[in-house]
Amino acid sequence: MLVGRARHQASALANELRKLGATVIQIPFIEIRKPRSFKGLDSALTNLATYDWLILTSVNGVEALWERIATLRLTKAAIQHLQVAAIGPATRKAIEQRGRKVNVVPKEYVAESVVRSLRQRVQGKRVLLVRAKIARDVIPRELRKAGAEVDVVEAYETIAPQPSRARLRSLLQDPRRRPHLVTFTSSSTVRNFAALLGANKASIQGVGLASIGPVTSSTLRELGLRVDVEAAEFTIPGLVEAIRLANRPTRRRP
């Protein structure tokens, strides 16, 4: 199986797949980088007293935010008045590890569910959304419709690692190492995979594609790629379970 998460995040998924007996190959489709400028984020952080809500949509966003808080030498008290929403359990855990309570985690770990959880709570409120440079605009668009004032700030950006291009193509051309399944944990991993693959989509013929959830699946289909496995719970454990079920031997009828 081929895991394409960012290098520093790939081990959790890879280890769980190995527990299923899989041989795991890791080629990152995504690399996390600091933004070209922290001007927007720094401005928001120095004016945190004017916000009512903080929304974080990834562990990467949490790490980038707290790193910047430390750089600016802000105290814990600077964010204690905020209501905090996290898109899912991994993001919540990352926030709580830094000593901050999370007030809202939606039932489904996608932007649309974040909106449903907050729509009735943000009218007339100022909301700070910390996210990647390129991301879906569902949250800010819909919360503004609900009467919130939403500031979106860039905390990091994702790129396709160029060294992965040759590694990926070499892997797919080698019949002895060619993966049976490729895993995708975000729309960014899908788009970068397609960029690394280039025009050579035929090279993945017969290779299964596994998605962490409906948004990632939608991006796969948008780019003309199949969805062979989709997680019912939009988390790494959910993806692993979906792969386990998809590969479970079927019993023959007597």
Protein backbone atom coordinates (compact mmCIF):
# COMPACT_ATOMS: atom_id res chain seq x y z
CA MET A 1 0.00 0.00 0.00
CA LEU A 2 1.17 3.51 -0.81
CA VAL A 3 0.81 6.23 1.85
CA GLY A 4 1.12 9.80 0.61
CA ARG A 5 0.71 11.88 3.78
CA ALA A 6 3.27 14.54 4.65
CA ARG A 7 6.47 12.90 5.86
CA HIS A 8 6.10 13.96 9.52
CA GLN A 9 2.50 12.67 9.66
CA ALA A 10 2.69 9.45 7.68
CA SER A 11 3.79 7.10 10.44
CA ALA A 12 0.41 6.82 12.21
CA LEU A 13 -1.39 5.61 9.09
CA ALA A 14 1.55 3.48 7.95
CA ASN A 15 1.83 1.74 11.32
CA GLU A 16 -1.88 0.89 11.43
CA LEU A 17 -1.78 -0.53 7.91
CA ARG A 18 1.22 -2.68 8.84
CA LYS A 19 -0.84 -4.09 11.71
CA LEU A 20 -3.26 -5.35 9.04
CA GLY A 21 -0.35 -7.19 7.44
CA ALA A 22 0.23 -4.69 4.63
CA THR A 23 3.58 -3.82 3.12
CA VAL A 24 3.66 -0.02 3.24
CA ILE A 25 5.51 2.30 0.89
CA GLN A 26 5.73 5.98 1.84
CA ILE A 27 6.06 8.67 -0.81
CA PRO A 28 4.79 12.08 0.36
CA PHE A 29 2.33 13.78 -1.98
CA ILE A 30 2.27 16.83 0.25
CA GLU A 31 4.80 19.01 2.03
CA ILE A 32 3.92 21.56 4.70
CA ARG A 33 5.66 24.93 4.45
CA LYS A 34 5.48 28.22 6.29
CA PRO A 35 3.57 30.92 4.41
CA ARG A 36 5.50 33.58 2.55
CA SER A 37 4.34 36.09 5.13
CA PHE A 38 2.94 35.88 8.65
CA LYS A 39 1.55 39.42 8.42
CA GLY A 40 -2.12 38.40 8.39
CA LEU A 41 -1.76 35.81 11.15
CA ASP A 42 0.35 38.08 13.34
CA SER A 43 -2.14 40.92 12.96
CA ALA A 44 -5.00 38.64 14.03
CA LEU A 45 -3.04 37.26 16.98
CA THR A 46 -2.15 40.70 18.30
CA ASN A 47 -5.85 41.57 18.15
CA LEU A 48 -7.26 38.37 19.64
CA ALA A 49 -9.26 40.34 22.18
CA THR A 50 -11.58 41.46 19.36
CA TYR A 51 -12.58 37.88 18.41
CA ASP A 52 -15.24 35.62 19.91
CA TRP A 53 -14.49 32.34 18.09
CA LEU A 54 -11.39 30.53 16.86
CA ILE A 55 -11.80 27.76 14.26
CA LEU A 56 -9.00 25.32 13.45
CA THR A 57 -9.36 22.80 10.64
CA SER A 58 -6.16 20.73 10.88
CA VAL A 59 -3.34 19.65 13.15
CA ASN A 60 -0.99 21.60 10.90
CA GLY A 61 -2.98 24.75 11.62
CA VAL A 62 -2.79 24.10 15.36
CA GLU A 63 0.98 23.62 15.23
CA ALA A 64 1.50 26.74 13.12
CA LEU A 65 -0.76 28.84 15.34
CA TRP A 66 0.91 27.89 18.61
CA GLU A 67 4.36 28.31 17.11
CA ARG A 68 3.40 31.86 16.13
CA ILE A 69 1.88 32.53 19.55
CA ALA A 70 5.23 31.56 21.09
CA THR A 71 7.15 33.70 18.60
CA LEU A 72 5.01 36.73 19.46
CA ARG A 73 5.37 35.91 23.17
CA LEU A 74 1.65 35.95 23.78
CA THR A 75 0.43 34.53 27.08
CA LYS A 76 -2.11 31.76 27.52
CA ALA A 77 -4.52 34.37 28.78
CA ALA A 78 -4.63 35.92 25.30
CA ILE A 79 -6.80 33.09 23.97
CA GLN A 80 -8.71 32.03 27.08
CA HIS A 81 -11.79 34.14 26.26
CA LEU A 82 -12.26 32.50 22.85
CA GLN A 83 -14.74 29.77 22.01
CA VAL A 84 -12.79 27.16 20.06
CA ALA A 85 -14.04 24.85 17.31
CA ALA A 86 -11.98 21.96 15.92
CA ILE A 87 -12.89 20.09 12.75
CA GLY A 88 -12.23 16.64 14.21
CA PRO A 89 -10.70 14.55 17.00
CA ALA A 90 -7.08 14.81 15.84
CA THR A 91 -7.31 18.60 15.71
CA ARG A 92 -9.06 18.65 19.10
CA LYS A 93 -6.34 16.48 20.62
CA ALA A 94 -3.60 18.77 19.27
CA ILE A 95 -5.35 21.81 20.80
CA GLU A 96 -5.97 20.12 24.15
CA GLN A 97 -2.33 18.99 24.34
CA ARG A 98 -1.51 22.69 24.39
CA GLY A 99 -3.73 23.24 27.37
CA ARG A 100 -6.74 24.77 25.62
CA LYS A 101 -10.30 23.48 25.93
CA VAL A 102 -12.24 22.80 22.72
CA ASN A 103 -15.88 23.86 22.81
CA VAL A 104 -17.18 22.39 19.55
CA VAL A 105 -16.29 19.32 17.48
CA PRO A 106 -18.87 18.51 14.77
CA LYS A 107 -20.44 15.09 14.35
CA GLU A 108 -18.87 14.70 10.90
CA TYR A 109 -15.34 15.91 10.39
CA VAL A 110 -15.85 18.12 7.34
CA ALA A 111 -16.37 21.85 6.76
CA GLU A 112 -20.11 21.48 6.16
CA SER A 113 -20.55 19.92 9.58
CA VAL A 114 -18.53 22.70 11.21
CA VAL A 115 -20.99 25.16 9.68
CA ARG A 116 -24.00 23.21 10.96
CA SER A 117 -22.52 23.16 14.45
CA LEU A 118 -21.84 26.90 14.54
CA ARG A 119 -24.54 28.51 12.39
CA GLN A 120 -26.86 29.25 15.32
CA ARG A 121 -24.04 30.44 17.58
CA VAL A 122 -22.10 33.02 15.60
CA GLN A 123 -24.57 35.73 14.60
CA GLY A 124 -23.02 39.10 15.40
CA LYS A 125 -19.76 37.42 16.49
CA ARG A 126 -16.22 37.86 15.19
CA VAL A 127 -14.67 34.60 14.03
CA LEU A 128 -11.01 33.84 13.31
CA LEU A 129 -10.44 30.93 10.93
CA VAL A 130 -6.83 29.68 10.82
CA ARG A 131 -6.10 27.42 7.87
CA ALA A 132 -3.89 26.57 4.88
CA LYS A 133 -3.23 29.03 2.07
CA ILE A 134 -5.50 27.07 -0.30
CA ALA A 135 -8.65 25.61 1.19
CA ARG A 136 -12.37 25.31 0.52
CA ASP A 137 -14.38 28.44 1.31
CA VAL A 138 -17.40 26.66 2.80
CA ILE A 139 -16.82 27.77 6.39
CA PRO A 140 -16.24 31.51 5.86
CA ARG A 141 -18.93 31.80 3.18
CA GLU A 142 -21.66 30.06 5.16
CA LEU A 143 -20.82 31.62 8.53
CA ARG A 144 -20.94 35.09 6.96
CA LYS A 145 -24.40 34.21 5.68
CA ALA A 146 -25.29 33.34 9.28
CA GLY A 147 -24.34 36.84 10.39
CA ALA A 148 -20.76 36.34 11.56
CA GLU A 149 -17.79 38.54 10.73
CA VAL A 150 -15.14 36.06 9.61
CA ASP A 151 -11.42 36.73 9.17
CA VAL A 152 -9.49 34.02 7.32
CA VAL A 153 -5.75 33.91 7.94
CA GLU A 154 -3.08 31.75 6.34
CA ALA A 155 -0.91 29.76 8.77
CA TYR A 156 0.83 27.40 6.34
CA GLU A 157 0.80 26.22 2.76
CA THR A 158 0.98 22.82 1.11
CA ILE A 159 3.02 21.95 -1.97
CA ALA A 160 3.75 18.82 -4.00
CA PRO A 161 7.31 17.66 -3.17
CA GLN A 162 9.18 17.50 -6.48
CA PRO A 163 11.48 14.59 -5.43
CA SER A 164 8.31 12.48 -5.11
CA ARG A 165 7.58 12.76 -8.85
CA ALA A 166 10.37 10.44 -9.99
CA ARG A 167 9.85 8.08 -7.03
CA LEU A 168 6.13 7.74 -7.76
CA ARG A 169 6.56 7.09 -11.46
CA SER A 170 9.35 4.57 -10.83
CA LEU A 171 7.17 2.74 -8.30
CA LEU A 172 4.19 2.51 -10.64
CA GLN A 173 6.36 1.19 -13.47
CA ASP A 174 7.89 -1.58 -11.35
CA PRO A 175 5.62 -4.67 -11.42
CA ARG A 176 7.35 -6.10 -8.35
CA ARG A 177 6.75 -3.02 -6.17
CA ARG A 178 3.58 -1.61 -7.71
CA PRO A 179 1.06 -0.93 -4.88
CA HIS A 180 -2.36 -2.52 -4.70
CA LEU A 181 -3.81 0.54 -2.99
CA VAL A 182 -3.06 4.26 -2.64
CA THR A 183 -4.43 6.17 0.38
CA PHE A 184 -5.64 9.79 0.32
CA THR A 185 -6.24 11.75 3.51
CA SER A 186 -7.25 15.14 2.09
CA SER A 187 -8.15 16.89 -1.14
CA SER A 188 -4.63 18.35 -1.16
CA THR A 189 -3.08 14.89 -1.28
CA VAL A 190 -5.34 14.06 -4.24
CA ARG A 191 -4.50 17.21 -6.20
CA ASN A 192 -0.79 16.86 -5.55
CA PHE A 193 -0.87 13.17 -6.49
CA ALA A 194 -2.47 14.11 -9.80
CA ALA A 195 0.14 16.83 -10.32
CA LEU A 196 2.99 14.41 -9.59
CA LEU A 197 1.45 11.84 -11.90
CA GLY A 198 1.01 14.35 -14.72
CA ALA A 199 -0.62 13.08 -17.90
CA ASN A 200 0.28 9.48 -17.09
CA LYS A 201 -3.02 8.46 -15.44
CA ALA A 202 -2.94 5.13 -17.24
CA SER A 203 -0.06 4.12 -14.95
CA ILE A 204 -2.49 3.63 -12.04
CA GLN A 205 -4.82 1.34 -13.92
CA GLY A 206 -5.68 -1.56 -11.64
CA VAL A 207 -4.44 0.24 -8.52
CA GLY A 208 -7.09 0.80 -5.84
CA LEU A 209 -7.70 4.29 -4.44
CA ALA A 210 -8.81 4.77 -0.81
CA SER A 211 -10.33 8.02 0.46
CA ILE A 212 -10.71 9.33 4.01
CA GLY A 213 -14.16 10.78 3.29
CA PRO A 214 -16.66 12.32 0.87
CA VAL A 215 -14.81 15.61 0.28
CA THR A 216 -11.62 13.78 -0.66
CA SER A 217 -13.66 11.36 -2.76
CA SER A 218 -15.28 14.26 -4.59
CA THR A 219 -11.84 15.63 -5.47
CA LEU A 220 -10.77 12.22 -6.79
CA ARG A 221 -13.81 12.06 -9.05
CA GLU A 222 -13.38 15.69 -10.10
CA LEU A 223 -9.92 14.77 -11.40
CA GLY A 224 -11.21 11.71 -13.23
CA LEU A 225 -10.01 9.17 -10.65
CA ARG A 226 -11.96 6.32 -9.08
CA VAL A 227 -12.93 5.83 -5.46
CA ASP A 228 -12.57 2.18 -4.49
CA VAL A 229 -12.66 2.59 -0.70
CA GLU A 230 -14.21 5.41 1.36
CA ALA A 231 -14.08 5.71 5.14
CA ALA A 232 -17.39 5.88 7.00
CA GLU A 233 -15.72 7.87 9.80
CA PHE A 234 -13.54 10.62 8.35
CA THR A 235 -10.43 9.91 10.41
CA ILE A 236 -7.23 7.87 10.06
CA PRO A 237 -8.70 5.01 12.16
CA GLY A 238 -11.84 5.22 10.00
CA LEU A 239 -9.77 4.93 6.83
CA VAL A 240 -7.85 1.96 8.20
CA GLU A 241 -11.11 0.22 9.15
CA ALA A 242 -12.57 0.83 5.68
CA ILE A 243 -9.46 -0.70 4.11
CA ARG A 244 -9.67 -3.66 6.49
CA LEU A 245 -13.29 -4.30 5.57
CA ALA A 246 -12.60 -3.92 1.85
CA ASN A 247 -9.84 -6.51 2.04
CA ARG A 248 -11.70 -8.96 4.28
CA PRO A 249 -11.94 -12.38 2.64
CA THR A 250 -15.45 -13.26 1.52
CA ARG A 251 -16.82 -16.58 2.71
CA ARG A 252 -18.01 -18.98 0.10
CA ARG A 253 -21.45 -20.36 0.51
CA PRO A 254 -21.52 -24.09 1.29
